[in-house]
Amino acid sequence: MTQSDRQEGALTGKTAIVTGGASGIGRAAVERFAREGAYVICADLDATAAQALAARLVADGLAVEATETDVTDESSVTAMASMALKVTGRIDTVLVNAGIMVEGDVLSVSLAAWTRVMNVNATGSFLTARAVMPHLIDTSGTLVFTASTVGLSGMKGVAAYSASKGAVVALTRQLAADYADRGVRVNAIAPGAVRTALSESQFRARARDDTHFNELLAQVIGRYPIARWGQPEEIAEVMLFLASDRSSWMTGQIIPVDGGLLELR
């Protein structure tokens, strides 16, 4: 398939940046945005994985370029924005998705782990938003954050992660208030349990064996009215909605994508 073979999509002619784009939800979003016509900058700390994803999608006729980005480093984030401008001359939508998770309540999580999670999830979101906002003002663009149901309701044993995602929720609402009159819409999604390599690795680390691993997975899903794991592609669909003109009268919203967890449990 070539560029000319594709029908016009929701993001045709637009430039999108996806941080944390090389794996999991970010990977699904990079592909979904590209298939909707965007020129996508896949930004990730794992440059090898980002380049491999970009190469696969370019071979399929899509417009994707990879860049190594550390969202905790202001100069790296600035370089990411500059690269997008150099390639296409514009930035229309940015998915602030890069994040990490550590477990532990306030008595067990180390200060180093707390600081790392806050730096990536909260400060990284701030630095990304600050780097791209002037360009989103120029294009009347959209900014979409990946928050979490944990940032809305809390969950036992993840104090640092919960606090960092709570900060993302608050930042989303604040930026929406600050920039609505400049034409920029800012929203967030709050995913529930999504089956990714990262989520599986966390359960593997806790499991004694395969049987225990499956029991741990079942315990999580037992809390969900739609009793299964979410898939990255399902999250990417909502990200696309918020990134595109399909959500043109929405800003400041935190959208749970969680199998009914928050409202129905």
Protein backbone atom coordinates (compact mmCIF):
# COMPACT_ATOMS: atom_id res chain seq x y z
CA MET A 1 0.00 0.00 0.00
CA THR A 2 1.28 3.47 -0.88
CA GLN A 3 0.42 6.90 0.42
CA SER A 4 -1.77 7.55 -2.64
CA ASP A 5 -3.67 4.30 -2.14
CA ARG A 6 -5.00 5.31 1.28
CA GLN A 7 -8.35 7.01 1.68
CA GLU A 8 -8.46 10.27 3.57
CA GLY A 9 -8.59 9.67 7.32
CA ALA A 10 -9.35 11.63 10.45
CA LEU A 11 -5.74 12.88 10.67
CA THR A 12 -4.87 13.27 7.00
CA GLY A 13 -2.41 16.10 6.48
CA LYS A 14 -1.63 16.38 10.18
CA THR A 15 1.54 15.76 12.14
CA ALA A 16 1.25 13.72 15.33
CA ILE A 17 3.81 13.05 18.05
CA VAL A 18 3.43 10.00 20.29
CA THR A 19 5.74 9.71 23.29
CA GLY A 20 6.34 6.22 24.60
CA GLY A 21 5.39 5.17 21.10
CA ALA A 22 7.50 2.04 20.70
CA SER A 23 5.49 -0.38 22.81
CA GLY A 24 2.12 -1.15 24.35
CA ILE A 25 -0.59 1.49 24.08
CA GLY A 26 1.80 3.95 22.44
CA ARG A 27 2.69 1.45 19.74
CA ALA A 28 -0.99 0.86 18.96
CA ALA A 29 -1.57 4.61 18.79
CA VAL A 30 1.34 5.20 16.42
CA GLU A 31 -0.08 2.65 14.00
CA ARG A 32 -3.68 3.86 14.37
CA PHE A 33 -2.76 7.51 13.86
CA ALA A 34 -0.63 6.66 10.84
CA ARG A 35 -3.44 4.62 9.28
CA GLU A 36 -5.69 7.66 9.72
CA GLY A 37 -3.34 9.71 7.55
CA ALA A 38 -1.05 11.42 10.05
CA TYR A 39 2.68 11.81 9.70
CA VAL A 40 3.65 10.28 13.04
CA ILE A 41 6.76 10.95 15.08
CA CYS A 42 7.30 7.87 17.26
CA ALA A 43 9.28 9.17 20.25
CA ASP A 44 10.68 6.68 22.74
CA LEU A 45 13.64 6.18 25.03
CA ASP A 46 14.15 2.81 23.32
CA ALA A 47 15.45 4.05 19.99
CA THR A 48 15.92 0.55 18.57
CA ALA A 49 12.30 -0.43 19.18
CA ALA A 50 11.04 2.90 17.83
CA GLN A 51 13.09 2.54 14.66
CA ALA A 52 11.91 -1.04 14.14
CA LEU A 53 8.27 0.02 14.45
CA ALA A 54 8.77 2.95 12.09
CA ALA A 55 10.50 0.75 9.51
CA ARG A 56 7.66 -1.78 9.58
CA LEU A 57 4.99 0.86 9.12
CA VAL A 58 6.91 2.74 6.42
CA ALA A 59 7.19 -0.56 4.54
CA ASP A 60 3.40 -0.68 4.69
CA GLY A 61 3.18 2.73 3.03
CA LEU A 62 2.64 4.79 6.18
CA ALA A 63 4.41 7.97 7.24
CA VAL A 64 6.24 7.29 10.50
CA GLU A 65 9.59 8.49 11.76
CA ALA A 66 11.35 7.47 14.96
CA THR A 67 13.28 9.60 17.38
CA GLU A 68 15.03 8.77 20.64
CA THR A 69 13.43 10.89 23.38
CA ASP A 70 13.89 11.04 27.13
CA VAL A 71 10.83 12.89 28.45
CA THR A 72 12.64 13.73 31.71
CA ASP A 73 15.28 15.70 29.76
CA GLU A 74 14.12 19.12 28.63
CA SER A 75 16.64 19.34 25.80
CA SER A 76 15.60 15.92 24.50
CA VAL A 77 11.92 16.90 24.47
CA THR A 78 12.74 20.17 22.75
CA ALA A 79 14.70 18.26 20.10
CA MET A 80 11.69 16.00 19.55
CA ALA A 81 9.46 18.98 18.81
CA SER A 82 12.11 20.52 16.57
CA MET A 83 12.40 17.30 14.60
CA ALA A 84 8.66 17.24 13.90
CA LEU A 85 8.79 20.85 12.69
CA LYS A 86 11.79 20.12 10.50
CA VAL A 87 10.05 17.15 8.86
CA THR A 88 6.60 18.65 8.21
CA GLY A 89 6.66 22.24 9.43
CA ARG A 90 3.80 21.74 11.88
CA ILE A 91 2.57 19.91 14.98
CA ASP A 92 -1.16 19.17 15.11
CA THR A 93 -1.63 16.60 17.85
CA VAL A 94 0.54 15.23 20.62
CA LEU A 95 -0.13 12.09 22.62
CA VAL A 96 1.72 12.33 25.94
CA ASN A 97 1.91 8.64 26.68
CA ALA A 98 5.40 7.86 28.05
CA GLY A 99 5.17 6.46 31.55
CA ILE A 100 6.44 3.95 34.06
CA MET A 101 5.02 2.17 37.09
CA VAL A 102 6.48 0.95 40.35
CA GLU A 103 4.66 -0.82 43.16
CA GLY A 104 4.67 -0.05 46.87
CA ASP A 105 2.77 1.96 49.45
CA VAL A 106 4.33 5.01 51.10
CA LEU A 107 6.08 2.83 53.69
CA SER A 108 7.73 0.56 51.15
CA VAL A 109 8.38 2.63 48.03
CA SER A 110 11.87 4.13 48.02
CA LEU A 111 12.49 7.82 47.53
CA ALA A 112 14.49 6.98 44.41
CA ALA A 113 11.55 5.05 42.94
CA TRP A 114 9.08 7.80 43.89
CA THR A 115 11.28 10.43 42.26
CA ARG A 116 11.74 8.38 39.09
CA VAL A 117 8.02 7.79 38.63
CA MET A 118 7.18 11.44 39.25
CA ASN A 119 9.94 12.56 36.87
CA VAL A 120 8.73 10.39 34.00
CA ASN A 121 4.97 10.53 34.47
CA ALA A 122 4.38 14.02 35.88
CA THR A 123 7.40 16.14 35.01
CA GLY A 124 7.73 14.40 31.64
CA SER A 125 4.15 15.36 30.85
CA PHE A 126 4.84 18.96 31.84
CA LEU A 127 8.02 19.19 29.75
CA THR A 128 6.33 17.67 26.72
CA ALA A 129 3.33 19.99 26.97
CA ARG A 130 5.56 23.03 27.35
CA ALA A 131 7.69 22.10 24.34
CA VAL A 132 4.77 21.56 21.97
CA MET A 133 2.18 24.07 23.18
CA PRO A 134 3.36 27.06 21.09
CA HIS A 135 3.10 24.91 17.96
CA LEU A 136 -0.31 23.53 18.90
CA ILE A 137 -1.49 27.12 19.30
CA ASP A 138 -0.32 27.75 15.73
CA THR A 139 -2.38 24.84 14.39
CA SER A 140 -5.33 24.93 16.84
CA GLY A 141 -4.18 21.45 17.76
CA THR A 142 -4.92 18.81 20.35
CA LEU A 143 -3.03 17.46 23.32
CA VAL A 144 -3.96 14.06 24.73
CA PHE A 145 -2.54 12.65 27.95
CA THR A 146 -2.46 9.05 29.11
CA ALA A 147 -3.65 9.16 32.72
CA SER A 148 -5.01 6.09 34.56
CA THR A 149 -8.01 4.92 36.52
CA VAL A 150 -5.54 4.76 39.42
CA GLY A 151 -5.12 8.52 39.17
CA LEU A 152 -8.88 8.92 39.61
CA SER A 153 -9.72 6.37 42.29
CA GLY A 154 -6.53 4.99 43.79
CA MET A 155 -5.50 1.36 44.08
CA LYS A 156 -3.84 -0.51 46.89
CA GLY A 157 -0.05 -0.57 46.82
CA VAL A 158 0.86 1.89 44.04
CA ALA A 159 1.37 5.19 45.87
CA ALA A 160 3.92 6.76 43.52
CA TYR A 161 2.12 5.74 40.34
CA SER A 162 -1.23 6.93 41.67
CA ALA A 163 0.19 10.31 42.69
CA SER A 164 1.93 10.78 39.35
CA LYS A 165 -1.19 9.98 37.34
CA GLY A 166 -3.25 12.22 39.62
CA ALA A 167 -0.85 14.99 38.62
CA VAL A 168 -1.49 14.18 34.95
CA VAL A 169 -5.25 14.46 35.54
CA ALA A 170 -4.83 17.87 37.18
CA LEU A 171 -2.42 19.07 34.48
CA THR A 172 -4.90 18.06 31.78
CA ARG A 173 -7.65 20.17 33.30
CA GLN A 174 -5.34 23.10 33.95
CA LEU A 175 -3.98 23.21 30.42
CA ALA A 176 -7.50 22.92 29.03
CA ALA A 177 -8.49 25.97 31.06
CA ASP A 178 -5.38 27.91 30.09
CA TYR A 179 -5.46 27.30 26.35
CA ALA A 180 -9.07 26.83 25.27
CA ASP A 181 -9.20 30.46 24.17
CA ARG A 182 -6.06 29.87 22.10
CA GLY A 183 -7.72 27.06 20.14
CA VAL A 184 -5.97 24.11 21.79
CA ARG A 185 -8.05 21.25 23.17
CA VAL A 186 -6.56 19.17 26.00
CA ASN A 187 -8.04 15.86 27.15
CA ALA A 188 -6.89 12.62 28.72
CA ILE A 189 -7.79 8.97 28.77
CA ALA A 190 -7.73 6.90 31.95
CA PRO A 191 -7.14 3.27 30.97
CA GLY A 192 -7.89 0.36 33.22
CA ALA A 193 -6.04 -2.95 33.01
CA VAL A 194 -4.57 -3.27 29.52
CA ARG A 195 -2.71 -6.38 28.38
CA THR A 196 0.77 -5.28 27.33
CA ALA A 197 4.25 -6.72 27.64
CA LEU A 198 4.88 -4.31 30.53
CA SER A 199 1.78 -5.34 32.48
CA GLU A 200 2.57 -9.00 31.95
CA SER A 201 6.16 -8.53 33.14
CA GLN A 202 4.94 -6.95 36.38
CA PHE A 203 2.72 -9.93 37.13
CA ARG A 204 5.45 -12.37 36.12
CA ALA A 205 7.77 -10.72 38.65
CA ARG A 206 5.26 -11.43 41.43
CA ALA A 207 4.23 -14.92 40.33
CA ARG A 208 5.68 -18.08 41.83
CA ASP A 209 4.91 -20.10 38.69
CA ASP A 210 2.61 -20.15 35.66
CA THR A 211 -0.40 -21.21 37.72
CA HIS A 212 0.09 -18.37 40.17
CA PHE A 213 0.63 -15.96 37.25
CA ASN A 214 -2.75 -16.89 35.77
CA GLU A 215 -4.37 -16.57 39.20
CA LEU A 216 -2.99 -13.04 39.58
CA LEU A 217 -4.33 -12.06 36.16
CA ALA A 218 -7.74 -13.49 37.02
CA GLN A 219 -7.84 -11.57 40.31
CA VAL A 220 -7.41 -8.30 38.44
CA ILE A 221 -10.03 -9.02 35.81
CA GLY A 222 -12.46 -10.24 38.45
CA ARG A 223 -12.98 -6.60 39.43
CA TYR A 224 -14.12 -5.56 35.95
CA PRO A 225 -17.78 -5.64 34.81
CA ILE A 226 -16.52 -6.39 31.29
CA ALA A 227 -14.53 -9.32 32.55
CA ARG A 228 -11.46 -9.28 30.32
CA TRP A 229 -8.29 -7.32 29.78
CA GLY A 230 -8.38 -4.26 27.60
CA GLN A 231 -6.33 -4.33 24.42
CA PRO A 232 -3.95 -1.55 23.34
CA GLU A 233 -5.87 -1.12 20.08
CA GLU A 234 -9.06 -0.35 22.04
CA ILE A 235 -7.30 2.43 23.91
CA ALA A 236 -5.84 3.79 20.67
CA GLU A 237 -9.33 4.19 19.22
CA VAL A 238 -10.30 6.59 22.02
CA MET A 239 -6.99 8.41 21.68
CA LEU A 240 -7.76 8.91 17.99
CA PHE A 241 -11.18 10.31 18.84
CA LEU A 242 -9.68 12.85 21.26
CA ALA A 243 -6.83 13.75 18.89
CA SER A 244 -9.09 14.38 15.92
CA ASP A 245 -11.88 16.81 15.04
CA ARG A 246 -14.37 14.09 15.97
CA SER A 247 -14.15 15.45 19.54
CA SER A 248 -14.21 19.11 18.47
CA TRP A 249 -16.36 20.35 21.37
CA MET A 250 -14.48 18.52 24.11
CA THR A 251 -11.72 19.84 26.33
CA GLY A 252 -10.65 19.26 29.92
CA GLN A 253 -12.16 15.76 29.93
CA ILE A 254 -10.72 12.64 31.55
CA ILE A 255 -12.21 9.65 29.74
CA PRO A 256 -12.06 6.29 31.56
CA VAL A 257 -11.53 3.38 29.18
CA ASP A 258 -11.82 0.67 31.78
CA GLY A 259 -14.42 -2.00 31.08
CA GLY A 260 -16.83 -0.29 33.48
CA LEU A 261 -14.47 -0.48 36.47
CA LEU A 262 -15.03 2.99 37.96
CA GLU A 263 -18.76 3.35 37.36
CA LEU A 264 -20.08 -0.17 37.79
CA ARG A 265 -17.97 -1.97 40.35
